[in-house]
Amino acid sequence: MLLRLPRPVDEIFRARLEEALPLRASRVLARIRETRGGKMYDARFGVRGRGEGPYAQAISALFDRTASDLGLLARERWEGGPTPFARPRAQLALF
């Protein structure tokens, strides 16, 4: 999941980033914008967690490769298919 920076968090993140890494802050912020279509945050569902564009795709590929190299299960992206969750038909089914 990519870094998410809604408005209140964005201001704090920028201030701390510029304080901790003054020479690199502009480059880090540019990379974040690159995955968000030029903005610091994209609230669209499905995009806000993974981003868009070549840099976001590179991050995803790196994650998948690292998980594979470590022998972890490949992450499965939920596509709205079958799930083990079953909605109870009535409140009594919960007991």
N, C-alpha and C. Protein backbone atom coordinates (compact mmCIF):
# COMPACT_ATOMS: atom_id res chain seq x y z
N MET A 1 0.86 -1.16 0.00
CA MET A 1 0.00 0.00 0.00
C MET A 1 0.90 1.23 0.00
N LEU A 2 0.58 2.13 -0.86
CA LEU A 2 1.33 3.38 -0.93
C LEU A 2 0.98 4.30 0.24
N LEU A 3 1.86 5.21 0.50
CA LEU A 3 1.65 6.22 1.52
C LEU A 3 0.40 7.03 1.20
N ARG A 4 -0.48 7.16 2.18
CA ARG A 4 -1.69 7.96 1.99
C ARG A 4 -1.57 9.23 2.82
N LEU A 5 -1.84 10.35 2.19
CA LEU A 5 -1.68 11.64 2.85
C LEU A 5 -2.91 12.53 2.72
N PRO A 6 -3.99 12.21 3.43
CA PRO A 6 -5.12 13.14 3.42
C PRO A 6 -4.68 14.48 4.00
N ARG A 7 -5.43 15.51 3.78
CA ARG A 7 -5.04 16.90 4.09
C ARG A 7 -4.35 17.11 5.44
N PRO A 8 -4.94 16.74 6.58
CA PRO A 8 -4.26 17.04 7.85
C PRO A 8 -2.91 16.31 7.98
N VAL A 9 -2.85 15.10 7.49
CA VAL A 9 -1.63 14.32 7.57
C VAL A 9 -0.58 14.88 6.61
N ASP A 10 -1.02 15.35 5.46
CA ASP A 10 -0.12 15.91 4.45
C ASP A 10 0.72 17.05 5.02
N GLU A 11 0.09 17.95 5.73
CA GLU A 11 0.79 19.11 6.28
C GLU A 11 1.85 18.69 7.30
N ILE A 12 1.50 17.74 8.16
CA ILE A 12 2.45 17.26 9.17
C ILE A 12 3.59 16.50 8.50
N PHE A 13 3.25 15.65 7.52
CA PHE A 13 4.27 14.88 6.82
C PHE A 13 5.28 15.79 6.13
N ARG A 14 4.78 16.79 5.42
CA ARG A 14 5.68 17.72 4.72
C ARG A 14 6.62 18.44 5.69
N ALA A 15 6.07 18.91 6.79
CA ALA A 15 6.89 19.65 7.77
C ALA A 15 7.97 18.76 8.35
N ARG A 16 7.63 17.54 8.71
CA ARG A 16 8.62 16.64 9.31
C ARG A 16 9.62 16.15 8.27
N LEU A 17 9.17 15.93 7.06
CA LEU A 17 10.08 15.51 6.00
C LEU A 17 11.11 16.59 5.70
N GLU A 18 10.64 17.83 5.57
CA GLU A 18 11.55 18.93 5.29
C GLU A 18 12.51 19.20 6.45
N GLU A 19 12.06 18.90 7.65
CA GLU A 19 12.93 19.07 8.82
C GLU A 19 13.99 17.97 8.88
N ALA A 20 13.57 16.73 8.62
CA ALA A 20 14.49 15.59 8.73
C ALA A 20 15.40 15.43 7.51
N LEU A 21 14.86 15.68 6.32
CA LEU A 21 15.63 15.48 5.08
C LEU A 21 15.50 16.69 4.17
N PRO A 22 16.05 17.82 4.54
CA PRO A 22 15.84 19.04 3.75
C PRO A 22 16.34 18.95 2.31
N LEU A 23 17.39 18.19 2.06
CA LEU A 23 17.93 18.10 0.70
C LEU A 23 17.17 17.10 -0.17
N ARG A 24 16.45 16.19 0.45
CA ARG A 24 15.73 15.16 -0.30
C ARG A 24 14.22 15.35 -0.33
N ALA A 25 13.71 16.26 0.46
CA ALA A 25 12.27 16.43 0.61
C ALA A 25 11.56 16.68 -0.72
N SER A 26 12.09 17.55 -1.55
CA SER A 26 11.43 17.86 -2.81
C SER A 26 11.38 16.64 -3.73
N ARG A 27 12.41 15.81 -3.69
CA ARG A 27 12.42 14.60 -4.52
C ARG A 27 11.39 13.58 -4.02
N VAL A 28 11.29 13.40 -2.71
CA VAL A 28 10.30 12.49 -2.14
C VAL A 28 8.89 12.96 -2.48
N LEU A 29 8.62 14.23 -2.32
CA LEU A 29 7.29 14.78 -2.63
C LEU A 29 6.98 14.63 -4.12
N ALA A 30 7.97 14.80 -4.98
CA ALA A 30 7.76 14.63 -6.43
C ALA A 30 7.38 13.18 -6.75
N ARG A 31 8.01 12.22 -6.09
CA ARG A 31 7.68 10.81 -6.32
C ARG A 31 6.25 10.50 -5.87
N ILE A 32 5.86 11.06 -4.75
CA ILE A 32 4.49 10.84 -4.27
C ILE A 32 3.50 11.40 -5.29
N ARG A 33 3.76 12.62 -5.77
CA ARG A 33 2.88 13.22 -6.77
C ARG A 33 2.85 12.41 -8.07
N GLU A 34 3.98 11.80 -8.40
CA GLU A 34 4.06 11.00 -9.63
C GLU A 34 3.10 9.82 -9.59
N THR A 35 2.87 9.26 -8.41
CA THR A 35 1.95 8.13 -8.29
C THR A 35 0.51 8.58 -8.08
N ARG A 36 0.29 9.87 -7.94
CA ARG A 36 -1.05 10.40 -7.66
C ARG A 36 -1.54 11.38 -8.73
N GLY A 37 -1.00 11.30 -9.90
CA GLY A 37 -1.46 12.20 -10.97
C GLY A 37 -1.17 13.65 -10.69
N GLY A 38 -0.06 13.93 -10.03
CA GLY A 38 0.34 15.31 -9.75
C GLY A 38 -0.15 15.86 -8.44
N LYS A 39 -0.96 15.08 -7.71
CA LYS A 39 -1.47 15.54 -6.42
C LYS A 39 -0.81 14.76 -5.29
N MET A 40 -0.92 15.27 -4.10
CA MET A 40 -0.37 14.57 -2.95
C MET A 40 -1.28 13.45 -2.46
N TYR A 41 -2.57 13.51 -2.81
CA TYR A 41 -3.52 12.50 -2.34
C TYR A 41 -4.61 12.33 -3.37
N ASP A 42 -4.99 11.10 -3.60
CA ASP A 42 -6.09 10.79 -4.51
C ASP A 42 -7.09 9.95 -3.73
N ALA A 43 -8.26 10.48 -3.48
CA ALA A 43 -9.25 9.82 -2.63
C ALA A 43 -10.05 8.74 -3.34
N ARG A 44 -9.83 8.54 -4.63
CA ARG A 44 -10.62 7.54 -5.35
C ARG A 44 -10.35 6.14 -4.80
N PHE A 45 -11.45 5.41 -4.56
CA PHE A 45 -11.34 4.06 -4.04
C PHE A 45 -10.60 3.18 -5.05
N GLY A 46 -9.69 2.38 -4.55
CA GLY A 46 -8.94 1.49 -5.41
C GLY A 46 -7.66 2.10 -5.95
N VAL A 47 -7.61 3.43 -5.99
CA VAL A 47 -6.41 4.12 -6.46
C VAL A 47 -5.62 4.65 -5.28
N ARG A 48 -6.32 5.06 -4.25
CA ARG A 48 -5.62 5.69 -3.12
C ARG A 48 -4.63 4.76 -2.44
N GLY A 49 -4.85 3.47 -2.51
CA GLY A 49 -3.95 2.53 -1.86
C GLY A 49 -2.84 2.01 -2.73
N ARG A 50 -2.99 2.13 -4.04
CA ARG A 50 -1.95 1.58 -4.92
C ARG A 50 -1.35 2.57 -5.89
N GLY A 51 -2.00 3.68 -6.14
CA GLY A 51 -1.46 4.68 -7.05
C GLY A 51 -1.59 4.29 -8.50
N GLU A 52 -1.05 5.13 -9.36
CA GLU A 52 -1.11 4.90 -10.81
C GLU A 52 0.21 5.32 -11.43
N GLY A 53 0.44 4.85 -12.63
CA GLY A 53 1.62 5.28 -13.36
C GLY A 53 2.80 4.33 -13.25
N PRO A 54 3.87 4.64 -13.96
CA PRO A 54 5.02 3.75 -14.02
C PRO A 54 5.71 3.53 -12.68
N TYR A 55 5.80 4.56 -11.86
CA TYR A 55 6.49 4.39 -10.58
C TYR A 55 5.67 3.50 -9.65
N ALA A 56 4.36 3.66 -9.62
CA ALA A 56 3.50 2.80 -8.80
C ALA A 56 3.58 1.35 -9.30
N GLN A 57 3.65 1.16 -10.60
CA GLN A 57 3.78 -0.19 -11.15
C GLN A 57 5.13 -0.81 -10.77
N ALA A 58 6.17 0.01 -10.76
CA ALA A 58 7.50 -0.48 -10.37
C ALA A 58 7.51 -0.90 -8.90
N ILE A 59 6.84 -0.15 -8.05
CA ILE A 59 6.75 -0.50 -6.63
C ILE A 59 6.02 -1.83 -6.47
N SER A 60 4.91 -1.99 -7.20
CA SER A 60 4.14 -3.23 -7.13
C SER A 60 4.96 -4.42 -7.61
N ALA A 61 5.69 -4.25 -8.71
CA ALA A 61 6.53 -5.33 -9.24
C ALA A 61 7.65 -5.69 -8.25
N LEU A 62 8.24 -4.69 -7.63
CA LEU A 62 9.30 -4.93 -6.65
C LEU A 62 8.75 -5.69 -5.45
N PHE A 63 7.57 -5.31 -5.00
CA PHE A 63 6.94 -6.01 -3.87
C PHE A 63 6.66 -7.46 -4.24
N ASP A 64 6.08 -7.69 -5.40
CA ASP A 64 5.76 -9.05 -5.83
C ASP A 64 7.02 -9.90 -5.95
N ARG A 65 8.07 -9.34 -6.50
CA ARG A 65 9.33 -10.07 -6.67
C ARG A 65 9.95 -10.40 -5.31
N THR A 66 9.95 -9.44 -4.41
CA THR A 66 10.52 -9.67 -3.08
C THR A 66 9.72 -10.73 -2.33
N ALA A 67 8.40 -10.66 -2.39
CA ALA A 67 7.56 -11.66 -1.74
C ALA A 67 7.82 -13.04 -2.32
N SER A 68 7.98 -13.12 -3.61
CA SER A 68 8.28 -14.40 -4.27
C SER A 68 9.64 -14.93 -3.84
N ASP A 69 10.65 -14.06 -3.81
CA ASP A 69 12.00 -14.46 -3.42
C ASP A 69 12.04 -14.96 -1.97
N LEU A 70 11.19 -14.41 -1.13
CA LEU A 70 11.14 -14.81 0.28
C LEU A 70 10.25 -16.02 0.52
N GLY A 71 9.63 -16.52 -0.55
CA GLY A 71 8.78 -17.69 -0.43
C GLY A 71 7.41 -17.39 0.15
N LEU A 72 7.03 -16.15 0.12
CA LEU A 72 5.70 -15.79 0.60
C LEU A 72 4.68 -16.02 -0.49
N LEU A 73 3.46 -16.24 -0.09
CA LEU A 73 2.40 -16.43 -1.07
C LEU A 73 2.24 -15.17 -1.89
N ALA A 74 2.01 -15.34 -3.17
CA ALA A 74 1.74 -14.19 -4.02
C ALA A 74 0.47 -13.52 -3.51
N ARG A 75 0.51 -12.22 -3.48
CA ARG A 75 -0.68 -11.53 -2.97
C ARG A 75 -1.80 -11.68 -3.99
N GLU A 76 -2.97 -11.91 -3.46
CA GLU A 76 -4.13 -12.07 -4.31
C GLU A 76 -4.92 -10.78 -4.26
N ARG A 77 -5.23 -10.27 -5.40
CA ARG A 77 -6.03 -9.04 -5.46
C ARG A 77 -7.50 -9.43 -5.50
N TRP A 78 -8.25 -8.85 -4.59
CA TRP A 78 -9.67 -9.16 -4.53
C TRP A 78 -10.36 -8.55 -5.73
N GLU A 79 -11.04 -9.37 -6.47
CA GLU A 79 -11.74 -8.92 -7.66
C GLU A 79 -13.25 -9.05 -7.49
N GLY A 80 -13.69 -9.21 -6.27
CA GLY A 80 -15.13 -9.33 -6.03
C GLY A 80 -15.61 -10.74 -6.23
N GLY A 81 -14.72 -11.71 -6.26
CA GLY A 81 -15.08 -13.10 -6.48
C GLY A 81 -15.54 -13.77 -5.19
N PRO A 82 -15.50 -15.09 -5.19
CA PRO A 82 -15.97 -15.84 -4.02
C PRO A 82 -15.17 -15.49 -2.76
N THR A 83 -15.84 -15.57 -1.65
CA THR A 83 -15.21 -15.28 -0.37
C THR A 83 -15.76 -16.24 0.67
N PRO A 84 -14.99 -16.59 1.69
CA PRO A 84 -15.51 -17.50 2.71
C PRO A 84 -16.53 -16.84 3.63
N PHE A 85 -16.66 -15.53 3.55
CA PHE A 85 -17.61 -14.83 4.41
C PHE A 85 -19.04 -15.12 3.95
N ALA A 86 -19.89 -15.47 4.89
CA ALA A 86 -21.31 -15.67 4.60
C ALA A 86 -22.11 -14.78 5.52
N ARG A 87 -22.96 -13.97 4.96
CA ARG A 87 -23.79 -13.07 5.75
C ARG A 87 -24.85 -13.88 6.49
N PRO A 88 -24.96 -13.70 7.81
CA PRO A 88 -25.98 -14.45 8.54
C PRO A 88 -27.38 -14.03 8.09
N ARG A 89 -28.27 -15.00 8.06
CA ARG A 89 -29.64 -14.71 7.61
C ARG A 89 -30.45 -13.99 8.68
N ALA A 90 -30.10 -14.20 9.91
CA ALA A 90 -30.84 -13.55 11.01
C ALA A 90 -29.91 -13.36 12.18
N GLN A 91 -30.30 -12.52 13.10
CA GLN A 91 -29.49 -12.25 14.29
C GLN A 91 -29.22 -13.53 15.09
N LEU A 92 -30.19 -14.44 15.14
CA LEU A 92 -30.02 -15.64 15.93
C LEU A 92 -28.91 -16.53 15.36
N ALA A 93 -28.62 -16.41 14.09
CA ALA A 93 -27.56 -17.24 13.49
C ALA A 93 -26.19 -16.87 14.03
N LEU A 94 -26.09 -15.71 14.67
CA LEU A 94 -24.83 -15.30 15.24
C LEU A 94 -24.49 -16.03 16.54
N PHE A 95 -25.50 -16.65 17.19
CA PHE A 95 -25.30 -17.30 18.48
C PHE A 95 -25.20 -18.78 18.37
